Amino acid sequence: MDLTKDQIESSPSLAAHKPVSRQYEMQYYPFFGWPAYWDGPYAWGPTAYPARNERWMGYPSRTEAGDPHLRSTHDVTGHRIHAKDGDIGHVDDFVIDDESWAIRYLIVDTRNWFPGKKVLVSPQWIRRVSWSEAKIFVNLSREAIKHSPEITEEALITRDYEMELYRHYN
């Protein structure tokens, strides 16, 4: 770690048992010279991987866009998935890239709607999230999700599987 003991000791404190807000991050990240992950084309804003750089000591202007509070994957687990034509399942888990920490897929469990299975849905296919309804709206039909390639605990997500998945969802 390229931080001194003094930098760590004088860093902004984090209140226990409270969600981390965008406002807090706007104070915290510049202290360490980190970029705003929400403002850029990559998972970590201007870079694909977390990086510390002195040129990111300021914050971009998009901080007021959208909901300023972060949600943990724990909070989103269980949210219902609403396809273009109705509910189809719920978020059971996530597939997270272990290098960039980007959410690659939501694992959707359809067992409450059909003789179920678990399928993957890319965050790119999310139209919007309703925090008050605990619902995620996707740009896919129920039929497409119902017939999507199944994912199991033992299965590895290979390039071939991803190609089949993307072909299936067109």
C-alpha atoms as a PDB file:
ATOM      1  CA  MET A   1       0.000   0.000   0.000  1.00  0.00           C
ATOM      2  CA  ASP A   2       1.396   3.394  -0.890  1.00  0.00           C
ATOM      3  CA  LEU A   3      -0.125   5.252   2.085  1.00  0.00           C
ATOM      4  CA  THR A   4       1.676   6.476   5.157  1.00  0.00           C
ATOM      5  CA  LYS A   5       0.619   5.703   8.694  1.00  0.00           C
ATOM      6  CA  ASP A   6      -0.318   9.392   9.145  1.00  0.00           C
ATOM      7  CA  GLN A   7      -2.533   9.330   6.029  1.00  0.00           C
ATOM      8  CA  ILE A   8      -4.398   6.305   7.316  1.00  0.00           C
ATOM      9  CA  GLU A   9      -4.780   7.694  10.828  1.00  0.00           C
ATOM     10  CA  SER A  10      -6.035  11.074   9.594  1.00  0.00           C
ATOM     11  CA  SER A  11      -8.403   9.650   6.957  1.00  0.00           C
ATOM     12  CA  PRO A  12     -12.117  10.472   7.218  1.00  0.00           C
ATOM     13  CA  SER A  13     -13.864   8.183   9.689  1.00  0.00           C
ATOM     14  CA  LEU A  14     -16.628   5.834   8.676  1.00  0.00           C
ATOM     15  CA  ALA A  15     -19.694   5.676  10.922  1.00  0.00           C
ATOM     16  CA  ALA A  16     -20.525   2.086  11.818  1.00  0.00           C
ATOM     17  CA  HIS A  17     -23.905   0.604  10.851  1.00  0.00           C
ATOM     18  CA  LYS A  18     -24.702   3.308   8.289  1.00  0.00           C
ATOM     19  CA  PRO A  19     -24.753   2.959   4.507  1.00  0.00           C
ATOM     20  CA  VAL A  20     -21.854   4.498   2.643  1.00  0.00           C
ATOM     21  CA  SER A  21     -23.306   7.422   0.701  1.00  0.00           C
ATOM     22  CA  ARG A  22     -22.119   9.103  -2.453  1.00  0.00           C
ATOM     23  CA  GLN A  23     -21.599  12.259  -0.368  1.00  0.00           C
ATOM     24  CA  TYR A  24     -19.243  10.378   1.947  1.00  0.00           C
ATOM     25  CA  GLU A  25     -17.343   8.949  -0.997  1.00  0.00           C
ATOM     26  CA  MET A  26     -16.928  12.475  -2.402  1.00  0.00           C
ATOM     27  CA  GLN A  27     -14.986  13.353   0.763  1.00  0.00           C
ATOM     28  CA  TYR A  28     -13.208  10.028   1.206  1.00  0.00           C
ATOM     29  CA  TYR A  29     -11.896   9.252  -2.283  1.00  0.00           C
ATOM     30  CA  PRO A  30     -10.090  12.563  -2.934  1.00  0.00           C
ATOM     31  CA  PHE A  31      -8.323  12.182   0.411  1.00  0.00           C
ATOM     32  CA  PHE A  32      -6.545   9.123  -1.037  1.00  0.00           C
ATOM     33  CA  GLY A  33      -6.406  10.403  -4.627  1.00  0.00           C
ATOM     34  CA  TRP A  34      -8.860   7.853  -5.972  1.00  0.00           C
ATOM     35  CA  PRO A  35     -11.083   8.472  -9.021  1.00  0.00           C
ATOM     36  CA  ALA A  36     -14.889   8.499  -8.926  1.00  0.00           C
ATOM     37  CA  TYR A  37     -15.829   4.991 -10.025  1.00  0.00           C
ATOM     38  CA  TRP A  38     -19.268   6.149 -11.221  1.00  0.00           C
ATOM     39  CA  ASP A  39     -17.927   8.664 -13.708  1.00  0.00           C
ATOM     40  CA  GLY A  40     -16.262   6.957 -16.620  1.00  0.00           C
ATOM     41  CA  PRO A  41     -16.608   4.136 -19.100  1.00  0.00           C
ATOM     42  CA  TYR A  42     -15.024   1.476 -16.875  1.00  0.00           C
ATOM     43  CA  ALA A  43     -15.870  -0.286 -13.619  1.00  0.00           C
ATOM     44  CA  TRP A  44     -13.631   2.145 -11.719  1.00  0.00           C
ATOM     45  CA  GLY A  45     -14.559   5.302 -13.616  1.00  0.00           C
ATOM     46  CA  PRO A  46     -11.663   6.364 -15.788  1.00  0.00           C
ATOM     47  CA  THR A  47      -9.841   3.016 -15.359  1.00  0.00           C
ATOM     48  CA  ALA A  48     -10.723  -0.649 -15.598  1.00  0.00           C
ATOM     49  CA  TYR A  49      -9.043  -1.432 -12.266  1.00  0.00           C
ATOM     50  CA  PRO A  50      -8.840   0.368  -8.921  1.00  0.00           C
ATOM     51  CA  ALA A  51      -5.899   2.754  -9.055  1.00  0.00           C
ATOM     52  CA  ARG A  52      -4.551   5.640  -7.036  1.00  0.00           C
ATOM     53  CA  ASN A  53      -3.353   8.658  -8.945  1.00  0.00           C
ATOM     54  CA  GLU A  54      -2.717  12.241  -7.868  1.00  0.00           C
ATOM     55  CA  ARG A  55      -4.512  13.705 -10.900  1.00  0.00           C
ATOM     56  CA  TRP A  56      -7.861  12.435  -9.538  1.00  0.00           C
ATOM     57  CA  MET A  57      -7.848  14.685  -6.473  1.00  0.00           C
ATOM     58  CA  GLY A  58     -11.004  16.489  -7.687  1.00  0.00           C
ATOM     59  CA  TYR A  59     -14.436  15.076  -8.397  1.00  0.00           C
ATOM     60  CA  PRO A  60     -16.412  15.017 -11.637  1.00  0.00           C
ATOM     61  CA  SER A  61     -19.691  16.869 -11.954  1.00  0.00           C
ATOM     62  CA  ARG A  62     -22.009  13.882 -12.331  1.00  0.00           C
ATOM     63  CA  THR A  63     -22.321  13.350  -8.571  1.00  0.00           C
ATOM     64  CA  GLU A  64     -25.877  14.648  -8.478  1.00  0.00           C
ATOM     65  CA  ALA A  65     -27.144  12.146 -11.067  1.00  0.00           C
ATOM     66  CA  GLY A  66     -29.228   9.218  -9.819  1.00  0.00           C
ATOM     67  CA  ASP A  67     -29.542   7.888  -6.309  1.00  0.00           C
ATOM     68  CA  PRO A  68     -26.561   9.030  -4.208  1.00  0.00           C
ATOM     69  CA  HIS A  69     -26.625   6.016  -1.878  1.00  0.00           C
ATOM     70  CA  LEU A  70     -24.763   2.836  -2.624  1.00  0.00           C
ATOM     71  CA  ARG A  71     -26.448  -0.537  -2.265  1.00  0.00           C
ATOM     72  CA  SER A  72     -24.644  -3.686  -1.287  1.00  0.00           C
ATOM     73  CA  THR A  73     -25.193  -6.922  -3.153  1.00  0.00           C
ATOM     74  CA  HIS A  74     -26.647  -8.224   0.116  1.00  0.00           C
ATOM     75  CA  ASP A  75     -29.373  -5.551  -0.057  1.00  0.00           C
ATOM     76  CA  VAL A  76     -30.230  -6.365  -3.685  1.00  0.00           C
ATOM     77  CA  THR A  77     -30.324 -10.149  -3.187  1.00  0.00           C
ATOM     78  CA  GLY A  78     -33.962 -11.189  -3.210  1.00  0.00           C
ATOM     79  CA  HIS A  79     -35.158  -8.288  -5.390  1.00  0.00           C
ATOM     80  CA  ARG A  80     -37.717  -9.487  -7.927  1.00  0.00           C
ATOM     81  CA  ILE A  81     -36.820  -9.509 -11.611  1.00  0.00           C
ATOM     82  CA  HIS A  82     -39.477  -7.892 -13.773  1.00  0.00           C
ATOM     83  CA  ALA A  83     -39.232  -8.734 -17.473  1.00  0.00           C
ATOM     84  CA  LYS A  84     -40.937  -6.708 -20.216  1.00  0.00           C
ATOM     85  CA  ASP A  85     -44.074  -8.803 -19.691  1.00  0.00           C
ATOM     86  CA  GLY A  86     -44.127  -9.562 -15.967  1.00  0.00           C
ATOM     87  CA  ASP A  87     -42.220 -10.976 -13.001  1.00  0.00           C
ATOM     88  CA  ILE A  88     -39.961 -13.954 -13.706  1.00  0.00           C
ATOM     89  CA  GLY A  89     -37.669 -14.549 -10.732  1.00  0.00           C
ATOM     90  CA  HIS A  90     -35.525 -12.968  -8.067  1.00  0.00           C
ATOM     91  CA  VAL A  91     -31.860 -12.107  -7.593  1.00  0.00           C
ATOM     92  CA  ASP A  92     -30.209 -15.078  -5.917  1.00  0.00           C
ATOM     93  CA  ASP A  93     -26.547 -14.072  -6.184  1.00  0.00           C
ATOM     94  CA  PHE A  94     -23.976 -12.263  -8.311  1.00  0.00           C
ATOM     95  CA  VAL A  95     -21.006 -13.132 -10.497  1.00  0.00           C
ATOM     96  CA  ILE A  96     -18.287 -10.580  -9.767  1.00  0.00           C
ATOM     97  CA  ASP A  97     -15.061 -10.163 -11.705  1.00  0.00           C
ATOM     98  CA  ASP A  98     -12.292 -10.836  -9.184  1.00  0.00           C
ATOM     99  CA  GLU A  99      -9.876  -8.372 -10.837  1.00  0.00           C
ATOM    100  CA  SER A 100     -12.042  -5.330 -11.565  1.00  0.00           C
ATOM    101  CA  TRP A 101     -14.766  -6.013  -8.951  1.00  0.00           C
ATOM    102  CA  ALA A 102     -17.386  -5.321 -11.611  1.00  0.00           C
ATOM    103  CA  ILE A 103     -20.689  -7.156 -11.377  1.00  0.00           C
ATOM    104  CA  ARG A 104     -20.639  -9.367 -14.469  1.00  0.00           C
ATOM    105  CA  TYR A 105     -24.005 -11.072 -13.977  1.00  0.00           C
ATOM    106  CA  LEU A 106     -26.976 -11.340 -11.681  1.00  0.00           C
ATOM    107  CA  ILE A 107     -27.880 -14.935 -10.899  1.00  0.00           C
ATOM    108  CA  VAL A 108     -31.649 -15.091 -11.240  1.00  0.00           C
ATOM    109  CA  ASP A 109     -33.628 -17.882  -9.600  1.00  0.00           C
ATOM    110  CA  THR A 110     -36.874 -18.651 -11.466  1.00  0.00           C
ATOM    111  CA  ARG A 111     -38.080 -21.504  -9.221  1.00  0.00           C
ATOM    112  CA  ASN A 112     -41.036 -19.526  -7.820  1.00  0.00           C
ATOM    113  CA  TRP A 113     -42.367 -18.894 -11.334  1.00  0.00           C
ATOM    114  CA  PHE A 114     -41.646 -22.166 -13.152  1.00  0.00           C
ATOM    115  CA  PRO A 115     -40.154 -25.539 -12.374  1.00  0.00           C
ATOM    116  CA  GLY A 116     -37.224 -23.291 -11.875  1.00  0.00           C
ATOM    117  CA  LYS A 117     -33.624 -23.015 -12.623  1.00  0.00           C
ATOM    118  CA  LYS A 118     -30.956 -20.385 -12.191  1.00  0.00           C
ATOM    119  CA  VAL A 119     -29.963 -18.225 -15.129  1.00  0.00           C
ATOM    120  CA  LEU A 120     -27.632 -15.291 -15.710  1.00  0.00           C
ATOM    121  CA  VAL A 121     -28.706 -11.760 -16.560  1.00  0.00           C
ATOM    122  CA  SER A 122     -26.154  -9.108 -17.448  1.00  0.00           C
ATOM    123  CA  PRO A 123     -26.367  -5.701 -15.730  1.00  0.00           C
ATOM    124  CA  GLN A 124     -26.342  -4.286 -19.293  1.00  0.00           C
ATOM    125  CA  TRP A 125     -29.857  -5.657 -19.735  1.00  0.00           C
ATOM    126  CA  ILE A 126     -31.249  -3.784 -16.714  1.00  0.00           C
ATOM    127  CA  ARG A 127     -33.621  -0.984 -17.663  1.00  0.00           C
ATOM    128  CA  ARG A 128     -34.080   0.422 -14.149  1.00  0.00           C
ATOM    129  CA  VAL A 129     -34.162  -0.473 -10.467  1.00  0.00           C
ATOM    130  CA  SER A 130     -37.031   0.397  -8.142  1.00  0.00           C
ATOM    131  CA  TRP A 131     -35.600   0.502  -4.633  1.00  0.00           C
ATOM    132  CA  SER A 132     -39.028   1.131  -3.089  1.00  0.00           C
ATOM    133  CA  GLU A 133     -40.552  -1.924  -4.802  1.00  0.00           C
ATOM    134  CA  ALA A 134     -37.414  -4.073  -4.425  1.00  0.00           C
ATOM    135  CA  LYS A 135     -37.673  -4.815  -8.137  1.00  0.00           C
ATOM    136  CA  ILE A 136     -35.228  -4.846 -11.055  1.00  0.00           C
ATOM    137  CA  PHE A 137     -36.709  -4.165 -14.490  1.00  0.00           C
ATOM    138  CA  VAL A 138     -34.914  -5.837 -17.405  1.00  0.00           C
ATOM    139  CA  ASN A 139     -35.157  -5.431 -21.181  1.00  0.00           C
ATOM    140  CA  LEU A 140     -35.882  -9.140 -21.684  1.00  0.00           C
ATOM    141  CA  SER A 141     -39.063 -11.140 -22.067  1.00  0.00           C
ATOM    142  CA  ARG A 142     -40.212 -13.759 -19.556  1.00  0.00           C
ATOM    143  CA  GLU A 143     -39.965 -16.368 -22.299  1.00  0.00           C
ATOM    144  CA  ALA A 144     -36.348 -15.434 -23.073  1.00  0.00           C
ATOM    145  CA  ILE A 145     -35.374 -15.714 -19.409  1.00  0.00           C
ATOM    146  CA  LYS A 146     -37.364 -18.949 -18.971  1.00  0.00           C
ATOM    147  CA  HIS A 147     -35.469 -20.613 -21.842  1.00  0.00           C
ATOM    148  CA  SER A 148     -32.068 -19.107 -21.059  1.00  0.00           C
ATOM    149  CA  PRO A 149     -29.121 -21.489 -20.592  1.00  0.00           C
ATOM    150  CA  GLU A 150     -29.088 -22.754 -17.011  1.00  0.00           C
ATOM    151  CA  ILE A 151     -26.213 -21.984 -14.656  1.00  0.00           C
ATOM    152  CA  THR A 152     -25.330 -24.405 -11.860  1.00  0.00           C
ATOM    153  CA  GLU A 153     -23.035 -24.189  -8.844  1.00  0.00           C
ATOM    154  CA  GLU A 154     -20.589 -26.589 -10.509  1.00  0.00           C
ATOM    155  CA  ALA A 155     -20.583 -24.921 -13.918  1.00  0.00           C
ATOM    156  CA  LEU A 156     -17.789 -22.613 -14.929  1.00  0.00           C
ATOM    157  CA  ILE A 157     -18.674 -19.579 -16.968  1.00  0.00           C
ATOM    158  CA  THR A 158     -16.644 -20.218 -20.083  1.00  0.00           C
ATOM    159  CA  ARG A 159     -16.355 -18.113 -23.207  1.00  0.00           C
ATOM    160  CA  ASP A 160     -18.545 -20.674 -25.017  1.00  0.00           C
ATOM    161  CA  TYR A 161     -21.233 -20.399 -22.318  1.00  0.00           C
ATOM    162  CA  GLU A 162     -21.180 -16.591 -22.552  1.00  0.00           C
ATOM    163  CA  MET A 163     -21.429 -16.724 -26.348  1.00  0.00           C
ATOM    164  CA  GLU A 164     -24.433 -19.062 -26.055  1.00  0.00           C
ATOM    165  CA  LEU A 165     -26.010 -16.737 -23.473  1.00  0.00           C
ATOM    166  CA  TYR A 166     -25.576 -13.624 -25.615  1.00  0.00           C
ATOM    167  CA  ARG A 167     -26.836 -15.447 -28.723  1.00  0.00           C
ATOM    168  CA  HIS A 168     -29.870 -16.611 -26.773  1.00  0.00           C
ATOM    169  CA  TYR A 169     -30.759 -13.086 -25.618  1.00  0.00           C
ATOM    170  CA  ASN A 170     -29.914 -11.715 -29.070  1.00  0.00           C
END
